[in-house]
Amino acid sequence: MKLARIATEDGPISGQYEDGVVHGDDGVYEVGADGTFLPPCEPSALYCVGRNYAATLDQMAYERPEEPDFFIKPPASLLGHRDPIPYPGFTDELTYAGELAAVIDEPCRNLSADEVPDVVRGYTIMNDMDALDQAGRTARKAFDGSGPLGPWIETAVDPTGIDMWTDVAGERRQEANTELMLFDPHEIVAFLSRRFTFRPGDVVAFGSPANPGLVEPGDTVEITYDGVGTLRNTVVDPASHDS
């Protein structure tokens, strides 16, 4: 089942997404005609794991971590499916990263890996935008618009063994499988739960395979996780976005 949120004239609507429509509590809404996609949840934080694929370690000359290596994006980083990504004026080196992400369904803490499936609402896709020429991970990764998320939450998917690929301006840039993660999704959620109390809607992203190349205004980034969906956003010049 796919769970989506859309913005309508009457406010946000949540419900089951199927064949282009969202079935809300008070009616059926056609995406496009009646509303546009919102991020599929409202997290208090996005907990993001990096350095979780061996190919990424090789690309960036990182050492293999002994435990999940993480950082946090704020809610202000969120964009929805098809929202434009404004190219930040403070960077000349903007890149992307196609990541699988879990959405937490209930307050929880101190989980074992075996308990994680019981507290996860489902899985979605995040684009971990990164301003490579900035100093420090927060400056690089936690700016407004750095966390496109969506298009929906898929509740019926096993996060292990999923094929993924990322196309930028029609060129295949990433291709991998989640079985190549150094730490699997259940391990990661359990690890973070020993440090943070999760709230409903919180997001845990599991890292990205190697991501060659930068993006420029006009580039469309399409991230697909098989069985979950495709997150699509276009990078735009900030001046055109503000006008």
Protein backbone atom coordinates (compact mmCIF):
# COMPACT_ATOMS: atom_id res chain seq x y z
CA MET A 1 0.00 0.00 0.00
CA LYS A 2 1.19 3.49 -0.87
CA LEU A 3 0.55 6.33 1.60
CA ALA A 4 0.78 9.86 0.23
CA ARG A 5 0.24 13.47 1.28
CA ILE A 6 -0.87 16.20 -1.11
CA ALA A 7 -1.44 19.94 -0.83
CA THR A 8 -4.98 21.02 -1.76
CA GLU A 9 -6.91 24.28 -1.56
CA ASP A 10 -8.41 23.00 1.69
CA GLY A 11 -5.05 22.05 3.20
CA PRO A 12 -2.94 18.89 3.35
CA ILE A 13 -4.70 15.60 2.61
CA SER A 14 -3.30 12.19 3.56
CA GLY A 15 -4.44 8.82 2.34
CA GLN A 16 -3.84 5.78 0.19
CA TYR A 17 -2.41 6.54 -3.23
CA GLU A 18 -3.53 4.45 -6.19
CA ASP A 19 -3.55 5.13 -9.94
CA GLY A 20 -3.03 8.87 -9.64
CA VAL A 21 -5.50 9.57 -6.86
CA VAL A 22 -5.32 9.86 -3.09
CA HIS A 23 -8.19 8.33 -1.13
CA GLY A 24 -8.64 10.67 1.85
CA ASP A 25 -11.06 10.40 4.74
CA ASP A 26 -13.51 12.79 3.06
CA GLY A 27 -13.13 11.96 -0.61
CA VAL A 28 -10.92 11.15 -3.56
CA TYR A 29 -8.33 13.65 -4.80
CA GLU A 30 -6.64 13.52 -8.19
CA VAL A 31 -2.95 14.39 -8.03
CA GLY A 32 -2.34 17.30 -10.38
CA ALA A 33 -5.95 18.44 -10.72
CA ASP A 34 -6.80 18.61 -7.01
CA GLY A 35 -3.38 18.86 -5.38
CA THR A 36 0.35 18.36 -5.60
CA PHE A 37 2.61 15.98 -3.72
CA LEU A 38 3.91 16.94 -0.30
CA PRO A 39 6.67 15.09 1.53
CA PRO A 40 4.89 11.89 2.61
CA CYS A 41 5.46 12.46 6.34
CA GLU A 42 6.17 15.29 8.81
CA PRO A 43 9.40 14.38 10.62
CA SER A 44 10.85 16.13 13.62
CA ALA A 45 14.24 15.20 12.09
CA LEU A 46 15.79 13.25 9.25
CA TYR A 47 18.52 10.92 10.53
CA CYS A 48 20.90 10.21 7.67
CA VAL A 49 23.58 7.56 7.50
CA GLY A 50 26.61 8.07 5.27
CA ARG A 51 29.51 5.90 4.18
CA ASN A 52 27.24 2.85 4.04
CA TYR A 53 28.32 1.43 0.66
CA ALA A 54 31.84 0.17 -0.07
CA ALA A 55 31.80 1.90 -3.46
CA THR A 56 31.19 5.24 -1.74
CA LEU A 57 34.13 4.64 0.59
CA ASP A 58 36.34 4.00 -2.42
CA GLN A 59 35.04 7.05 -4.29
CA MET A 60 35.54 9.47 -1.38
CA ALA A 61 38.64 7.78 0.10
CA TYR A 62 36.84 7.22 3.41
CA GLU A 63 37.80 4.59 5.95
CA ARG A 64 35.25 1.86 6.63
CA PRO A 65 33.24 2.86 9.73
CA GLU A 66 32.99 0.46 12.64
CA GLU A 67 29.42 1.60 13.34
CA PRO A 68 26.85 3.63 11.36
CA ASP A 69 28.13 7.14 10.61
CA PHE A 70 25.26 9.61 10.80
CA PHE A 71 24.18 13.25 10.61
CA ILE A 72 20.83 15.06 10.90
CA LYS A 73 18.85 17.19 8.48
CA PRO A 74 16.14 19.52 9.84
CA PRO A 75 12.51 19.61 8.62
CA ALA A 76 13.36 22.76 6.64
CA SER A 77 15.40 20.57 4.30
CA LEU A 78 12.27 18.82 2.99
CA LEU A 79 10.87 19.06 -0.52
CA GLY A 80 8.16 16.92 -2.09
CA HIS A 81 8.12 14.82 -5.24
CA ARG A 82 8.31 17.09 -8.34
CA ASP A 83 9.16 20.19 -6.26
CA PRO A 84 11.98 22.25 -7.80
CA ILE A 85 15.34 22.16 -6.01
CA PRO A 86 16.75 25.71 -5.86
CA TYR A 87 20.48 25.68 -6.59
CA PRO A 88 22.04 27.31 -3.48
CA GLY A 89 23.87 30.55 -4.11
CA PHE A 90 26.64 29.61 -1.67
CA THR A 91 27.99 26.61 -3.58
CA ASP A 92 29.51 25.79 -6.95
CA GLU A 93 29.59 22.02 -6.33
CA LEU A 94 26.11 20.61 -5.80
CA THR A 95 25.60 16.86 -5.95
CA TYR A 96 22.89 14.31 -5.15
CA ALA A 97 22.55 10.91 -3.50
CA GLY A 98 19.72 8.44 -4.02
CA GLU A 99 18.80 6.86 -0.69
CA LEU A 100 16.21 4.45 0.68
CA ALA A 101 14.58 5.80 3.85
CA ALA A 102 12.36 4.37 6.58
CA VAL A 103 9.49 6.32 8.13
CA ILE A 104 8.91 5.69 11.82
CA ASP A 105 5.31 5.01 12.84
CA GLU A 106 5.30 5.34 16.65
CA PRO A 107 7.33 6.79 19.52
CA CYS A 108 10.16 4.39 20.28
CA ARG A 109 13.62 4.06 21.75
CA ASN A 110 16.20 1.35 22.55
CA LEU A 111 15.07 -1.06 19.85
CA SER A 112 16.62 -4.34 18.88
CA ALA A 113 17.02 -5.04 15.16
CA ASP A 114 14.25 -7.64 15.41
CA GLU A 115 11.82 -5.01 16.76
CA VAL A 116 12.40 -2.51 13.96
CA PRO A 117 9.82 -3.87 11.46
CA ASP A 118 7.09 -3.34 14.07
CA VAL A 119 7.78 0.41 14.37
CA VAL A 120 8.38 1.27 10.70
CA ARG A 121 5.40 2.64 8.78
CA GLY A 122 7.07 1.93 5.46
CA TYR A 123 9.80 3.06 3.09
CA THR A 124 10.30 6.06 0.83
CA ILE A 125 13.13 7.72 -1.12
CA MET A 126 15.36 10.65 -0.20
CA ASN A 127 17.72 12.71 -2.33
CA ASP A 128 20.58 13.73 -0.03
CA MET A 129 21.67 16.96 -1.71
CA ASP A 130 25.24 17.94 -0.85
CA ALA A 131 27.14 21.21 -1.33
CA LEU A 132 30.57 19.62 -1.58
CA ASP A 133 32.63 22.81 -1.33
CA GLN A 134 31.24 23.83 2.07
CA ALA A 135 33.11 23.26 5.35
CA GLY A 136 31.54 20.66 7.64
CA ARG A 137 28.76 18.17 7.13
CA THR A 138 25.95 20.39 8.48
CA ALA A 139 26.85 23.22 6.08
CA ARG A 140 27.12 20.75 3.23
CA LYS A 141 23.96 18.76 3.79
CA ALA A 142 21.43 20.47 6.08
CA PHE A 143 20.40 23.55 4.09
CA ASP A 144 16.86 24.39 2.92
CA GLY A 145 15.81 22.09 0.10
CA SER A 146 18.59 19.55 0.71
CA GLY A 147 16.19 16.68 1.45
CA PRO A 148 13.67 15.93 -1.31
CA LEU A 149 11.51 13.05 -0.03
CA GLY A 150 8.84 10.91 -1.64
CA PRO A 151 6.86 10.32 -3.67
CA TRP A 152 4.97 8.27 -1.07
CA ILE A 153 5.50 5.67 1.66
CA GLU A 154 5.36 2.06 0.49
CA THR A 155 4.21 -0.12 3.39
CA ALA A 156 4.68 -3.52 1.72
CA VAL A 157 8.37 -3.79 0.86
CA ASP A 158 11.37 -5.65 2.26
CA PRO A 159 14.25 -3.12 2.43
CA THR A 160 16.90 -5.78 1.78
CA GLY A 161 17.85 -6.75 -1.76
CA ILE A 162 16.20 -3.80 -3.55
CA ASP A 163 17.63 -2.70 -6.91
CA MET A 164 18.08 1.06 -7.25
CA TRP A 165 19.20 3.48 -9.94
CA THR A 166 19.54 7.24 -10.38
CA ASP A 167 19.27 9.13 -13.68
CA VAL A 168 20.42 12.74 -13.99
CA ALA A 169 19.33 14.60 -17.13
CA GLY A 170 18.62 11.20 -18.67
CA GLU A 171 22.07 9.76 -17.87
CA ARG A 172 22.39 6.74 -15.58
CA ARG A 173 24.58 7.91 -12.65
CA GLN A 174 23.91 5.32 -9.92
CA GLU A 175 23.03 1.63 -9.98
CA ALA A 176 23.23 -0.72 -7.01
CA ASN A 177 21.30 -2.99 -4.66
CA THR A 178 20.57 -2.49 -0.96
CA GLU A 179 22.21 -5.84 -0.21
CA LEU A 180 25.51 -3.97 -0.71
CA MET A 181 24.95 -1.82 2.40
CA LEU A 182 27.59 -2.21 5.09
CA PHE A 183 24.90 -1.89 7.79
CA ASP A 184 21.39 -3.05 6.95
CA PRO A 185 18.29 -0.90 7.59
CA HIS A 186 17.19 -2.76 10.72
CA GLU A 187 20.67 -2.48 12.23
CA ILE A 188 20.75 1.24 11.53
CA VAL A 189 17.35 2.06 13.02
CA ALA A 190 18.18 0.03 16.13
CA PHE A 191 21.59 1.73 16.45
CA LEU A 192 20.10 5.23 16.22
CA SER A 193 17.28 4.33 18.63
CA ARG A 194 19.87 3.90 21.36
CA ARG A 195 20.78 7.58 20.96
CA PHE A 196 17.51 9.27 19.99
CA THR A 197 13.84 8.92 20.83
CA PHE A 198 12.04 8.56 17.51
CA ARG A 199 8.73 10.30 16.92
CA PRO A 200 6.02 9.35 14.44
CA GLY A 201 6.99 10.55 10.98
CA ASP A 202 10.72 10.68 11.66
CA VAL A 203 12.90 9.57 8.76
CA VAL A 204 15.97 7.35 8.76
CA ALA A 205 17.92 7.33 5.47
CA PHE A 206 20.39 4.54 4.80
CA GLY A 207 23.07 6.07 2.62
CA SER A 208 23.85 6.10 -1.06
CA PRO A 209 26.00 4.20 -3.52
CA ALA A 210 28.80 6.12 -5.25
CA ASN A 211 27.33 9.17 -7.01
CA PRO A 212 29.59 10.44 -9.80
CA GLY A 213 29.02 13.94 -11.07
CA LEU A 214 27.51 17.26 -10.10
CA VAL A 215 24.14 18.77 -10.99
CA GLU A 216 23.34 22.12 -12.60
CA PRO A 217 20.16 24.16 -13.01
CA GLY A 218 17.95 22.40 -15.52
CA ASP A 219 19.01 18.89 -14.51
CA THR A 220 16.22 16.51 -13.50
CA VAL A 221 17.20 13.92 -10.89
CA GLU A 222 15.17 10.69 -10.92
CA ILE A 223 15.85 8.17 -8.13
CA THR A 224 14.18 4.77 -8.34
CA TYR A 225 14.03 2.02 -5.74
CA ASP A 226 12.35 -1.03 -7.23
CA GLY A 227 9.08 -1.76 -5.45
CA VAL A 228 9.03 1.66 -3.76
CA GLY A 229 8.79 4.23 -6.55
CA THR A 230 10.62 7.06 -8.31
CA LEU A 231 11.43 10.42 -6.71
CA ARG A 232 11.77 13.13 -9.36
CA ASN A 233 12.94 16.73 -8.88
CA THR A 234 14.50 19.33 -11.17
CA VAL A 235 17.31 21.65 -10.09
CA VAL A 236 16.48 25.28 -10.86
CA ASP A 237 18.22 28.61 -10.71
CA PRO A 238 17.14 30.28 -7.45
CA ALA A 239 16.23 33.48 -9.27
CA SER A 240 13.74 31.67 -11.51
CA HIS A 241 12.32 29.82 -8.49
CA ASP A 242 11.75 33.05 -6.53
CA SER A 243 10.11 34.92 -9.42
